[in-house]
Amino acid sequence: MRRLFRKAFVTVILALFGYLVYVSVQIGRQSTRDEARPADAILVLGAAEYRGRPSPVLKARLDHALALYKQKMAPILITTGGAGGDPDFTEGGVGRSYLIGHDVPSDAIVVEPEIAASLDRAVAEAHGRLFALPTYTALLELRTLLADRGLAREYWQ
């Protein structure tokens, strides 16, 4: 009986390791794909800001959005995010300032403090395709919001 349990345990561990390798390979493959296509708007989900400056994560999203905008992939940038611990700045406002500082006209930038309102605004602005630049955890929330609005399937395709 003990031997059977040991074999089952080793089998489960090997299966989990195999699954981890499979997922890692899939992530590696996806990370090298450029799926940029023209869209009606680019949605930049907020991340931390530090006294009016974007965190490294937010800066990376803004730089990606800026690159897509300069390639004329979309005419509108929507920055999101409310005030964290700093009452003087919001993530969306910091994103707007950053983009304006990189020569994006202010009339091409829309700021929304909350993700749900941001999504509704983005869907209204983007009559077709929408780029979203979230983190993984924000992506899960975004998928749920899209599914709730009938704009995406409940589960990953």
C-alpha atoms as a PDB file:
ATOM      1  CA  MET A   1       0.000   0.000   0.000  1.00  0.00           C
ATOM      2  CA  ARG A   2       2.823   2.347   0.891  1.00  0.00           C
ATOM      3  CA  ARG A   3       4.518   1.624  -2.381  1.00  0.00           C
ATOM      4  CA  LEU A   4       1.344   2.412  -4.321  1.00  0.00           C
ATOM      5  CA  PHE A   5       0.985   5.716  -2.468  1.00  0.00           C
ATOM      6  CA  ARG A   6       4.615   6.593  -3.249  1.00  0.00           C
ATOM      7  CA  LYS A   7       4.110   5.844  -6.967  1.00  0.00           C
ATOM      8  CA  ALA A   8       0.933   7.930  -7.049  1.00  0.00           C
ATOM      9  CA  PHE A   9       2.707  10.798  -5.311  1.00  0.00           C
ATOM     10  CA  VAL A  10       5.648  10.703  -7.746  1.00  0.00           C
ATOM     11  CA  THR A  11       3.211  10.555 -10.683  1.00  0.00           C
ATOM     12  CA  VAL A  12       1.342  13.617  -9.432  1.00  0.00           C
ATOM     13  CA  ILE A  13       4.599  15.540  -8.889  1.00  0.00           C
ATOM     14  CA  LEU A  14       5.830  14.644 -12.384  1.00  0.00           C
ATOM     15  CA  ALA A  15       2.479  15.667 -13.909  1.00  0.00           C
ATOM     16  CA  LEU A  16       2.610  19.025 -12.114  1.00  0.00           C
ATOM     17  CA  PHE A  17       6.194  19.558 -13.261  1.00  0.00           C
ATOM     18  CA  GLY A  18       5.227  18.670 -16.836  1.00  0.00           C
ATOM     19  CA  TYR A  19       2.334  21.119 -16.698  1.00  0.00           C
ATOM     20  CA  LEU A  20       4.653  23.846 -15.365  1.00  0.00           C
ATOM     21  CA  VAL A  21       7.062  23.238 -18.254  1.00  0.00           C
ATOM     22  CA  TYR A  22       4.172  23.319 -20.758  1.00  0.00           C
ATOM     23  CA  VAL A  23       2.821  26.610 -19.381  1.00  0.00           C
ATOM     24  CA  SER A  24       6.312  28.130 -19.339  1.00  0.00           C
ATOM     25  CA  VAL A  25       6.838  27.234 -22.998  1.00  0.00           C
ATOM     26  CA  GLN A  26       3.438  28.687 -23.935  1.00  0.00           C
ATOM     27  CA  ILE A  27       4.227  31.940 -22.087  1.00  0.00           C
ATOM     28  CA  GLY A  28       7.610  32.109 -23.809  1.00  0.00           C
ATOM     29  CA  ARG A  29       6.039  31.644 -27.234  1.00  0.00           C
ATOM     30  CA  GLN A  30       3.303  34.211 -26.607  1.00  0.00           C
ATOM     31  CA  SER A  31       5.789  36.774 -25.306  1.00  0.00           C
ATOM     32  CA  THR A  32       7.570  36.872 -28.669  1.00  0.00           C
ATOM     33  CA  ARG A  33       4.427  37.446 -30.750  1.00  0.00           C
ATOM     34  CA  ASP A  34       3.606  40.896 -31.984  1.00  0.00           C
ATOM     35  CA  GLU A  35      -0.165  40.983 -32.299  1.00  0.00           C
ATOM     36  CA  ALA A  36      -0.448  44.734 -32.808  1.00  0.00           C
ATOM     37  CA  ARG A  37      -3.281  45.667 -35.152  1.00  0.00           C
ATOM     38  CA  PRO A  38      -5.049  48.959 -35.772  1.00  0.00           C
ATOM     39  CA  ALA A  39      -7.604  49.752 -33.067  1.00  0.00           C
ATOM     40  CA  ASP A  40      -9.955  52.575 -32.173  1.00  0.00           C
ATOM     41  CA  ALA A  41      -8.429  53.137 -28.731  1.00  0.00           C
ATOM     42  CA  ILE A  42      -5.607  52.011 -26.475  1.00  0.00           C
ATOM     43  CA  LEU A  43      -6.580  51.321 -22.851  1.00  0.00           C
ATOM     44  CA  VAL A  44      -3.697  51.717 -20.389  1.00  0.00           C
ATOM     45  CA  LEU A  45      -4.651  50.244 -17.033  1.00  0.00           C
ATOM     46  CA  GLY A  46      -3.192  52.046 -14.048  1.00  0.00           C
ATOM     47  CA  ALA A  47      -0.400  50.943 -11.772  1.00  0.00           C
ATOM     48  CA  ALA A  48       1.340  52.695  -8.932  1.00  0.00           C
ATOM     49  CA  GLU A  49       2.546  56.256  -9.182  1.00  0.00           C
ATOM     50  CA  TYR A  50       5.065  57.924  -6.909  1.00  0.00           C
ATOM     51  CA  ARG A  51       4.451  61.618  -6.213  1.00  0.00           C
ATOM     52  CA  GLY A  52       3.409  62.339  -9.760  1.00  0.00           C
ATOM     53  CA  ARG A  53       5.821  59.962 -11.458  1.00  0.00           C
ATOM     54  CA  PRO A  54       4.825  56.609 -12.950  1.00  0.00           C
ATOM     55  CA  SER A  55       6.084  53.441 -11.298  1.00  0.00           C
ATOM     56  CA  PRO A  56       8.289  51.221 -13.484  1.00  0.00           C
ATOM     57  CA  VAL A  57       5.266  49.051 -14.323  1.00  0.00           C
ATOM     58  CA  LEU A  58       3.098  52.032 -15.278  1.00  0.00           C
ATOM     59  CA  LYS A  59       5.962  53.578 -17.247  1.00  0.00           C
ATOM     60  CA  ALA A  60       6.394  50.346 -19.224  1.00  0.00           C
ATOM     61  CA  ARG A  61       2.672  50.320 -20.085  1.00  0.00           C
ATOM     62  CA  LEU A  62       2.745  53.983 -21.047  1.00  0.00           C
ATOM     63  CA  ASP A  63       5.837  53.473 -23.208  1.00  0.00           C
ATOM     64  CA  HIS A  64       4.134  50.546 -24.948  1.00  0.00           C
ATOM     65  CA  ALA A  65       1.000  52.628 -25.503  1.00  0.00           C
ATOM     66  CA  LEU A  66       3.140  55.509 -26.759  1.00  0.00           C
ATOM     67  CA  ALA A  67       4.888  53.221 -29.249  1.00  0.00           C
ATOM     68  CA  LEU A  68       1.540  51.911 -30.512  1.00  0.00           C
ATOM     69  CA  TYR A  69       0.188  55.467 -30.760  1.00  0.00           C
ATOM     70  CA  LYS A  70       3.247  56.668 -32.704  1.00  0.00           C
ATOM     71  CA  GLN A  71       2.790  53.727 -35.083  1.00  0.00           C
ATOM     72  CA  LYS A  72      -0.717  55.107 -35.627  1.00  0.00           C
ATOM     73  CA  MET A  73      -2.326  51.957 -34.271  1.00  0.00           C
ATOM     74  CA  ALA A  74      -5.044  54.023 -32.528  1.00  0.00           C
ATOM     75  CA  PRO A  75      -6.009  57.705 -32.350  1.00  0.00           C
ATOM     76  CA  ILE A  76      -7.064  57.714 -28.683  1.00  0.00           C
ATOM     77  CA  LEU A  77      -5.246  56.741 -25.484  1.00  0.00           C
ATOM     78  CA  ILE A  78      -7.318  56.026 -22.375  1.00  0.00           C
ATOM     79  CA  THR A  79      -5.381  56.089 -19.098  1.00  0.00           C
ATOM     80  CA  THR A  80      -6.943  54.658 -15.969  1.00  0.00           C
ATOM     81  CA  GLY A  81      -6.375  54.509 -12.258  1.00  0.00           C
ATOM     82  CA  GLY A  82      -7.420  56.449  -9.222  1.00  0.00           C
ATOM     83  CA  ALA A  83      -5.571  57.896  -6.279  1.00  0.00           C
ATOM     84  CA  GLY A  84      -3.657  55.367  -4.237  1.00  0.00           C
ATOM     85  CA  GLY A  85      -2.020  56.651  -1.091  1.00  0.00           C
ATOM     86  CA  ASP A  86      -1.303  60.038  -2.671  1.00  0.00           C
ATOM     87  CA  PRO A  87      -4.289  62.413  -2.634  1.00  0.00           C
ATOM     88  CA  ASP A  88      -2.608  64.853  -5.031  1.00  0.00           C
ATOM     89  CA  PHE A  89      -2.160  62.496  -7.993  1.00  0.00           C
ATOM     90  CA  THR A  90      -4.064  59.709  -9.730  1.00  0.00           C
ATOM     91  CA  GLU A  91      -2.542  56.955 -11.825  1.00  0.00           C
ATOM     92  CA  GLY A  92      -4.632  58.052 -14.802  1.00  0.00           C
ATOM     93  CA  GLY A  93      -3.583  61.687 -14.382  1.00  0.00           C
ATOM     94  CA  VAL A  94       0.078  60.757 -14.069  1.00  0.00           C
ATOM     95  CA  GLY A  95      -0.274  58.668 -17.227  1.00  0.00           C
ATOM     96  CA  ARG A  96      -1.809  61.631 -19.028  1.00  0.00           C
ATOM     97  CA  SER A  97       1.006  63.952 -17.937  1.00  0.00           C
ATOM     98  CA  TYR A  98       3.611  61.401 -18.999  1.00  0.00           C
ATOM     99  CA  LEU A  99       2.072  61.013 -22.458  1.00  0.00           C
ATOM    100  CA  ILE A 100       1.704  64.774 -22.930  1.00  0.00           C
ATOM    101  CA  GLY A 101       5.370  65.068 -21.964  1.00  0.00           C
ATOM    102  CA  HIS A 102       6.112  62.710 -24.842  1.00  0.00           C
ATOM    103  CA  ASP A 103       4.329  64.864 -27.427  1.00  0.00           C
ATOM    104  CA  VAL A 104       0.892  63.234 -27.412  1.00  0.00           C
ATOM    105  CA  PRO A 105      -1.767  65.935 -27.875  1.00  0.00           C
ATOM    106  CA  SER A 106      -3.975  66.337 -24.820  1.00  0.00           C
ATOM    107  CA  ASP A 107      -7.135  65.914 -26.896  1.00  0.00           C
ATOM    108  CA  ALA A 108      -5.975  62.376 -27.816  1.00  0.00           C
ATOM    109  CA  ILE A 109      -5.905  61.324 -24.137  1.00  0.00           C
ATOM    110  CA  VAL A 110      -8.882  60.399 -21.989  1.00  0.00           C
ATOM    111  CA  VAL A 111      -8.482  59.855 -18.233  1.00  0.00           C
ATOM    112  CA  GLU A 112     -10.806  57.564 -16.275  1.00  0.00           C
ATOM    113  CA  PRO A 113     -10.179  56.840 -12.583  1.00  0.00           C
ATOM    114  CA  GLU A 114     -11.917  53.434 -12.304  1.00  0.00           C
ATOM    115  CA  ILE A 115     -11.454  50.309 -14.402  1.00  0.00           C
ATOM    116  CA  ALA A 116     -15.188  49.666 -14.917  1.00  0.00           C
ATOM    117  CA  ALA A 117     -15.817  53.258 -16.043  1.00  0.00           C
ATOM    118  CA  SER A 118     -12.625  53.078 -18.113  1.00  0.00           C
ATOM    119  CA  LEU A 119     -13.831  49.970 -19.854  1.00  0.00           C
ATOM    120  CA  ASP A 120     -17.247  51.481 -20.574  1.00  0.00           C
ATOM    121  CA  ARG A 121     -15.572  54.626 -21.930  1.00  0.00           C
ATOM    122  CA  ALA A 122     -13.133  52.583 -23.996  1.00  0.00           C
ATOM    123  CA  VAL A 123     -15.919  50.491 -25.488  1.00  0.00           C
ATOM    124  CA  ALA A 124     -17.845  53.671 -26.319  1.00  0.00           C
ATOM    125  CA  GLU A 125     -14.763  55.287 -27.888  1.00  0.00           C
ATOM    126  CA  ALA A 126     -13.602  52.136 -29.642  1.00  0.00           C
ATOM    127  CA  HIS A 127     -16.305  51.149 -32.057  1.00  0.00           C
ATOM    128  CA  GLY A 128     -14.288  48.125 -33.101  1.00  0.00           C
ATOM    129  CA  ARG A 129     -10.941  47.054 -31.707  1.00  0.00           C
ATOM    130  CA  LEU A 130      -9.396  47.982 -28.408  1.00  0.00           C
ATOM    131  CA  PHE A 131      -5.850  47.488 -27.141  1.00  0.00           C
ATOM    132  CA  ALA A 132      -5.631  46.899 -23.382  1.00  0.00           C
ATOM    133  CA  LEU A 133      -2.313  46.992 -21.558  1.00  0.00           C
ATOM    134  CA  PRO A 134      -2.906  45.403 -18.136  1.00  0.00           C
ATOM    135  CA  THR A 135      -0.901  43.285 -15.718  1.00  0.00           C
ATOM    136  CA  TYR A 136      -1.925  39.661 -15.381  1.00  0.00           C
ATOM    137  CA  THR A 137      -4.081  40.271 -12.312  1.00  0.00           C
ATOM    138  CA  ALA A 138      -5.724  43.301 -13.908  1.00  0.00           C
ATOM    139  CA  LEU A 139      -6.258  41.196 -17.012  1.00  0.00           C
ATOM    140  CA  LEU A 140      -8.346  38.760 -14.982  1.00  0.00           C
ATOM    141  CA  GLU A 141     -10.517  41.620 -13.710  1.00  0.00           C
ATOM    142  CA  LEU A 142     -10.738  43.041 -17.220  1.00  0.00           C
ATOM    143  CA  ARG A 143     -11.840  39.674 -18.641  1.00  0.00           C
ATOM    144  CA  THR A 144     -14.560  39.434 -15.989  1.00  0.00           C
ATOM    145  CA  LEU A 145     -15.793  42.947 -16.776  1.00  0.00           C
ATOM    146  CA  LEU A 146     -15.796  42.173 -20.511  1.00  0.00           C
ATOM    147  CA  ALA A 147     -17.696  38.933 -19.925  1.00  0.00           C
ATOM    148  CA  ASP A 148     -20.239  40.734 -17.711  1.00  0.00           C
ATOM    149  CA  ARG A 149     -20.891  43.150 -20.585  1.00  0.00           C
ATOM    150  CA  GLY A 150     -21.183  40.335 -23.132  1.00  0.00           C
ATOM    151  CA  LEU A 151     -18.018  41.434 -24.914  1.00  0.00           C
ATOM    152  CA  ALA A 152     -15.898  38.347 -24.220  1.00  0.00           C
ATOM    153  CA  ARG A 153     -16.300  34.759 -23.258  1.00  0.00           C
ATOM    154  CA  GLU A 154     -16.332  33.890 -19.574  1.00  0.00           C
ATOM    155  CA  TYR A 155     -13.256  31.676 -19.866  1.00  0.00           C
ATOM    156  CA  TRP A 156     -10.017  31.867 -21.807  1.00  0.00           C
ATOM    157  CA  GLN A 157     -10.369  30.876 -25.420  1.00  0.00           C
END
